[in-house]
Protein backbone atom coordinates (compact mmCIF):
# COMPACT_ATOMS: atom_id res chain seq x y z
CA UNK A 1 0.01 -0.04 0.00
CA UNK A 2 2.42 2.57 -1.11
CA UNK A 3 1.96 5.49 -3.38
CA UNK A 4 2.62 5.66 -7.13
CA UNK A 5 3.12 9.30 -7.62
CA UNK A 6 6.15 11.20 -9.02
CA UNK A 7 6.71 12.60 -5.60
CA UNK A 8 7.46 10.23 -2.74
CA UNK A 9 8.19 11.73 0.62
CA UNK A 10 9.35 14.81 -0.94
CA UNK A 11 12.13 13.02 -2.90
CA UNK A 12 10.50 13.25 -6.43
CA UNK A 13 11.53 9.62 -6.77
CA UNK A 14 8.82 7.00 -7.01
CA UNK A 15 11.42 4.27 -7.16
CA UNK A 16 12.15 4.45 -3.38
CA UNK A 17 9.80 4.45 -0.37
CA UNK A 18 11.35 5.62 2.85
CA UNK A 19 8.32 5.40 5.18
CA UNK A 20 8.17 2.69 7.87
CA UNK A 21 4.35 2.53 7.95
CA UNK A 22 4.02 -0.61 5.88
CA UNK A 23 6.15 -2.68 8.29
CA UNK A 24 4.65 -1.02 11.40
CA UNK A 25 1.04 -1.52 10.25
CA UNK A 26 1.46 -5.01 8.72
CA UNK A 27 0.09 -6.99 11.63
CA UNK A 28 -3.42 -5.38 12.03
CA UNK A 29 -5.75 -8.30 11.20
CA UNK A 30 -8.96 -6.70 12.42
CA UNK A 31 -8.36 -3.38 10.62
CA UNK A 32 -7.44 -4.87 7.20
CA UNK A 33 -10.34 -7.29 7.30
CA UNK A 34 -12.71 -4.45 8.10
CA UNK A 35 -11.53 -2.66 5.06
CA UNK A 36 -11.59 -5.75 2.89
CA UNK A 37 -15.18 -6.59 3.86
CA UNK A 38 -16.33 -3.33 2.10
CA UNK A 39 -14.67 -4.39 -1.14
CA UNK A 40 -14.97 -8.19 -1.06
CA UNK A 41 -17.88 -8.60 -3.44
CA UNK A 42 -16.12 -6.43 -6.05
CA UNK A 43 -12.83 -8.38 -5.91
CA UNK A 44 -13.48 -10.98 -8.54
CA UNK A 45 -12.45 -11.74 -12.02
CA UNK A 46 -9.28 -9.87 -13.14
CA UNK A 47 -8.17 -7.33 -10.54
CA UNK A 48 -5.38 -4.74 -10.58
CA UNK A 49 -4.00 -3.19 -7.27
CA UNK A 50 -2.11 -0.03 -7.63
CA UNK A 51 0.72 0.62 -5.08
CA UNK A 52 0.62 -2.85 -3.61
CA UNK A 53 3.59 -2.13 -1.33
CA UNK A 54 4.75 -5.27 0.47
CA UNK A 55 1.50 -7.09 -0.38
CA UNK A 56 0.03 -7.11 3.08
CA UNK A 57 -3.46 -6.25 1.90
CA UNK A 58 -3.15 -8.15 -1.42
CA UNK A 59 -2.45 -11.42 0.54
CA UNK A 60 -5.83 -11.24 2.13
CA UNK A 61 -7.78 -11.51 -1.15
CA UNK A 62 -5.35 -12.79 -3.75
CA UNK A 63 -6.72 -16.42 -3.69
CA UNK A 64 -10.25 -15.32 -4.26
CA UNK A 65 -9.73 -13.73 -7.67
CA UNK A 66 -9.04 -15.31 -11.06
CA UNK A 67 -6.20 -13.04 -12.09
CA UNK A 68 -4.39 -10.36 -10.07
CA UNK A 69 -1.82 -7.81 -11.14
CA UNK A 70 0.05 -5.93 -8.48
CA UNK A 71 1.76 -2.75 -9.44
CA UNK A 72 4.36 -1.19 -7.17
CA UNK A 73 6.88 1.58 -8.23
CA UNK A 74 9.36 1.46 -5.29
CA UNK A 75 12.17 -1.02 -5.96
CA UNK A 76 12.88 -1.49 -2.25
CA UNK A 77 9.29 -2.65 -1.76
CA UNK A 78 8.97 -4.54 -5.01
CA UNK A 79 11.63 -7.07 -4.21
CA UNK A 80 9.59 -8.40 -1.27
CA UNK A 81 6.34 -8.16 -3.24
CA UNK A 82 7.70 -10.20 -6.05
CA UNK A 83 9.06 -12.85 -3.75
CA UNK A 84 5.93 -13.05 -1.76
CA UNK A 85 3.73 -13.97 -4.65
CA UNK A 86 6.23 -15.87 -6.86
CA UNK A 87 4.52 -19.25 -6.14
CA UNK A 88 1.05 -17.97 -7.26
CA UNK A 89 0.70 -18.36 -10.99
CA UNK A 90 -2.39 -16.20 -11.28
CA UNK A 91 -0.63 -13.27 -9.67
CA UNK A 92 1.52 -11.07 -11.80
CA UNK A 93 3.74 -8.48 -10.15
CA UNK A 94 5.32 -5.43 -11.80
CA UNK A 95 7.67 -2.67 -10.68
CA UNK A 96 6.47 0.50 -12.35
CA UNK A 97 4.00 3.36 -12.60
CA UNK A 98 0.45 3.24 -13.68
CA UNK A 99 1.03 5.81 -16.38
CA UNK A 100 3.62 3.37 -17.96
CA UNK A 101 1.12 0.52 -17.92
CA UNK A 102 -1.59 2.67 -19.28
CA UNK A 103 0.54 3.83 -22.17
CA UNK A 104 1.55 0.24 -23.06
CA UNK A 105 -2.11 -0.90 -22.98
CA UNK A 106 -3.17 1.96 -25.24
CA UNK A 107 -0.36 1.26 -27.70
CA UNK A 108 -0.74 -2.49 -27.85
CA UNK A 109 -1.90 -3.56 -31.28
CA UNK A 110 -3.28 -6.81 -29.93
CA UNK A 111 -5.40 -5.09 -27.23
CA UNK A 112 -9.00 -6.38 -27.03
CA UNK A 113 -10.29 -3.67 -24.78
CA UNK A 114 -10.05 -2.86 -21.10
CA UNK A 115 -8.72 -5.90 -19.23
CA UNK A 116 -9.70 -5.38 -15.57
CA UNK A 117 -12.89 -6.01 -13.63
CA UNK A 118 -11.79 -4.00 -10.59
CA UNK A 119 -8.99 -1.58 -9.63
CA UNK A 120 -8.07 -1.33 -5.98
CA UNK A 121 -6.13 1.54 -4.30
CA UNK A 122 -5.64 1.32 -0.57
CA UNK A 123 -3.87 4.36 0.96
CA UNK A 124 -2.47 5.38 -2.50
CA UNK A 125 -4.49 8.23 -4.06
CA UNK A 126 -3.44 10.72 -1.43
CA UNK A 127 0.11 10.28 -2.66
CA UNK A 128 -0.67 11.34 -6.21
CA UNK A 129 -0.45 14.98 -7.20
CA UNK A 130 -2.89 14.64 -10.12
CA UNK A 131 -5.43 12.24 -8.65
CA UNK A 132 -8.02 12.94 -11.37
CA UNK A 133 -5.56 11.97 -14.13
CA UNK A 134 -4.73 8.70 -12.35
CA UNK A 135 -8.36 7.73 -12.10
CA UNK A 136 -8.98 8.54 -15.68
CA UNK A 137 -6.20 6.23 -16.63
CA UNK A 138 -7.82 3.47 -14.50
CA UNK A 139 -11.18 4.24 -16.17
CA UNK A 140 -9.53 3.31 -19.55
CA UNK A 141 -8.28 0.03 -18.07
CA UNK A 142 -11.51 -1.10 -16.60
CA UNK A 143 -14.22 -3.03 -18.36
CA UNK A 144 -17.74 -1.50 -18.64
CA UNK A 145 -19.29 -1.68 -15.18
CA UNK A 146 -15.78 -2.25 -13.76
CA UNK A 147 -15.36 -1.28 -10.05
CA UNK A 148 -12.99 1.37 -8.63
CA UNK A 149 -12.21 0.66 -4.96
CA UNK A 150 -10.64 3.43 -2.96
CA UNK A 151 -9.42 3.85 0.63
CA UNK A 152 -8.04 7.20 1.45
CA UNK A 153 -7.25 9.37 4.53
CA UNK A 154 -9.93 11.94 5.43
CA UNK A 155 -10.39 15.28 7.21
CA UNK A 156 -7.71 17.89 6.16
CA UNK A 157 -7.41 19.21 9.61
CA UNK A 158 -5.84 15.95 10.63
CA UNK A 159 -2.87 16.47 8.26
CA UNK A 160 0.18 16.18 10.44
CA UNK A 161 3.75 14.91 10.70
CA UNK A 162 2.91 11.31 9.78
CA UNK A 163 1.10 12.46 6.61
CA UNK A 164 4.08 14.62 5.62
CA UNK A 165 6.54 11.90 6.41
CA UNK A 166 5.13 9.48 3.87
CA UNK A 167 4.41 12.05 1.19
CA UNK A 168 0.66 12.65 1.41
CA UNK A 169 -0.39 15.53 -0.85
CA UNK A 170 -3.78 15.77 0.99
CA UNK A 171 -6.34 14.33 3.26
CA UNK A 172 -9.74 14.24 1.54
CA UNK A 173 -13.05 15.74 2.43
CA UNK A 174 -16.07 13.64 1.44
CA UNK A 175 -17.18 16.25 -1.05
CA UNK A 176 -13.63 16.64 -2.46
CA UNK A 177 -13.25 12.88 -3.04
CA UNK A 178 -16.63 12.75 -4.69
CA UNK A 179 -15.65 15.58 -7.06
CA UNK A 180 -12.38 13.78 -8.01
CA UNK A 181 -14.20 10.47 -8.77
CA UNK A 182 -16.88 12.09 -10.85
CA UNK A 183 -14.43 14.32 -12.83
CA UNK A 184 -12.64 11.17 -13.73
CA UNK A 185 -15.79 9.76 -15.30
CA UNK A 186 -17.00 7.30 -12.57
CA UNK A 187 -20.34 7.02 -11.00
CA UNK A 188 -20.31 6.67 -7.29
CA UNK A 189 -22.10 3.74 -5.60
CA UNK A 190 -20.67 4.06 -2.05
CA UNK A 191 -18.80 6.87 -0.30
CA UNK A 192 -18.59 6.84 3.50
CA UNK A 193 -16.41 7.81 6.39
CA UNK A 194 -14.56 4.98 8.20
CA UNK A 195 -12.96 4.62 11.58
CA UNK A 196 -14.51 7.34 13.65
CA UNK A 197 -12.62 6.20 16.76
CA UNK A 198 -9.26 6.72 15.00
CA UNK A 199 -9.69 10.43 14.62
CA UNK A 200 -8.60 11.43 18.13
CA UNK A 201 -5.43 9.17 18.26
CA UNK A 202 -4.36 10.43 14.87
CA UNK A 203 -4.91 14.02 15.84
CA UNK A 204 -2.83 13.59 19.04
CA UNK A 205 -0.07 11.68 17.40
CA UNK A 206 0.29 13.68 14.24
CA UNK A 207 -0.77 17.20 15.14
CA UNK A 208 -0.12 17.53 18.88
CA UNK A 209 2.89 15.24 19.50
CA UNK A 210 4.07 15.64 15.87
CA UNK A 211 5.09 12.01 15.68
CA UNK A 212 6.47 11.20 12.22
CA UNK A 213 6.50 7.47 12.61
CA UNK A 214 3.80 4.87 13.35
CA UNK A 215 4.15 3.05 16.69
CA UNK A 216 3.76 -0.68 15.95
CA UNK A 217 2.76 -1.59 19.48
CA UNK A 218 0.16 1.17 19.81
CA UNK A 219 -1.30 0.28 16.47
CA UNK A 220 -1.64 -3.36 17.42
CA UNK A 221 -3.41 -2.42 20.72
CA UNK A 222 -5.78 -0.26 18.79
CA UNK A 223 -6.50 -3.06 16.33
CA UNK A 224 -7.20 -5.53 19.08
CA UNK A 225 -9.43 -3.44 21.28
CA UNK A 226 -10.74 -0.34 19.46
CA UNK A 227 -11.38 -1.73 15.94
CA UNK A 228 -13.90 -4.38 17.00
CA UNK A 229 -15.86 -1.63 18.88
CA UNK A 230 -15.70 0.85 16.07
CA UNK A 231 -16.75 -1.80 13.54
CA UNK A 232 -19.77 -2.66 15.59
CA UNK A 233 -20.80 0.99 15.96
CA UNK A 234 -20.27 1.80 12.28
CA UNK A 235 -22.28 -1.36 11.23
CA UNK A 236 -25.28 0.23 12.85
CA UNK A 237 -24.76 3.98 12.44
CA UNK A 238 -22.98 5.61 9.52
CA UNK A 239 -20.41 7.95 11.18
CA UNK A 240 -20.67 11.72 10.34
CA UNK A 241 -16.84 11.84 10.14
CA UNK A 242 -13.93 9.45 10.27
CA UNK A 243 -10.19 9.01 9.91
CA UNK A 244 -10.66 7.65 6.47
CA UNK A 245 -13.01 7.48 3.49
CA UNK A 246 -14.07 4.32 1.57
CA UNK A 247 -15.50 4.56 -1.94
CA UNK A 248 -16.83 2.14 -4.50
CA UNK A 249 -17.33 3.74 -7.95
CA UNK A 250 -18.26 2.28 -11.26
CA UNK A 251 -17.21 2.74 -14.86
CA UNK A 252 -20.35 3.48 -16.88
């Protein structure tokens, strides 16, 4: 779950990712399954995941799809990603940018139309300066009625040291994300806040204490005790705000 922009952590180099969040947040089973359950019904057929990182999220659903392409631009992450899925013949990994893949698909004389049933971006779009352009490229790669699955950070006032550390261009408002999705040509089927209980810890860590790194132990405690509570609450009442936004959109 790393970004695929031309600007990573202020280095203007997409080929290296210096954040430690992927390792620190790897062992959060309740949190990742909570996200996955929103997308599970759309993860079928041929799927592409953009910014797959170390494959922590990919591993949760890889065996339930027919074909899976994992795209990751950072060479230091890709080595692990490639090794992790080397034994799965239906999973193809690639080190590169979406714009490169999009150009190849468009130029291929043997192309028979858009190849993907779903495109997944988990904690990726916020790293991309021109987010509308990226989604338009994905629109071209999706089959008619193909699904766009997004998980992004929310609430701009939460932007703090941890966001800056990993190269976030922004945190989204609900209206702002909706505008980006629609401008790219998608129709929105679901757009909701996620993880209302996570707002206060993120505010304290990133804005008050100005922590620039994730604390693995604290994240695991939150996953064990707070996530089950938050999930029960949000299954009954849609939160009016949350640390993140989840979206499911559709190519017409």
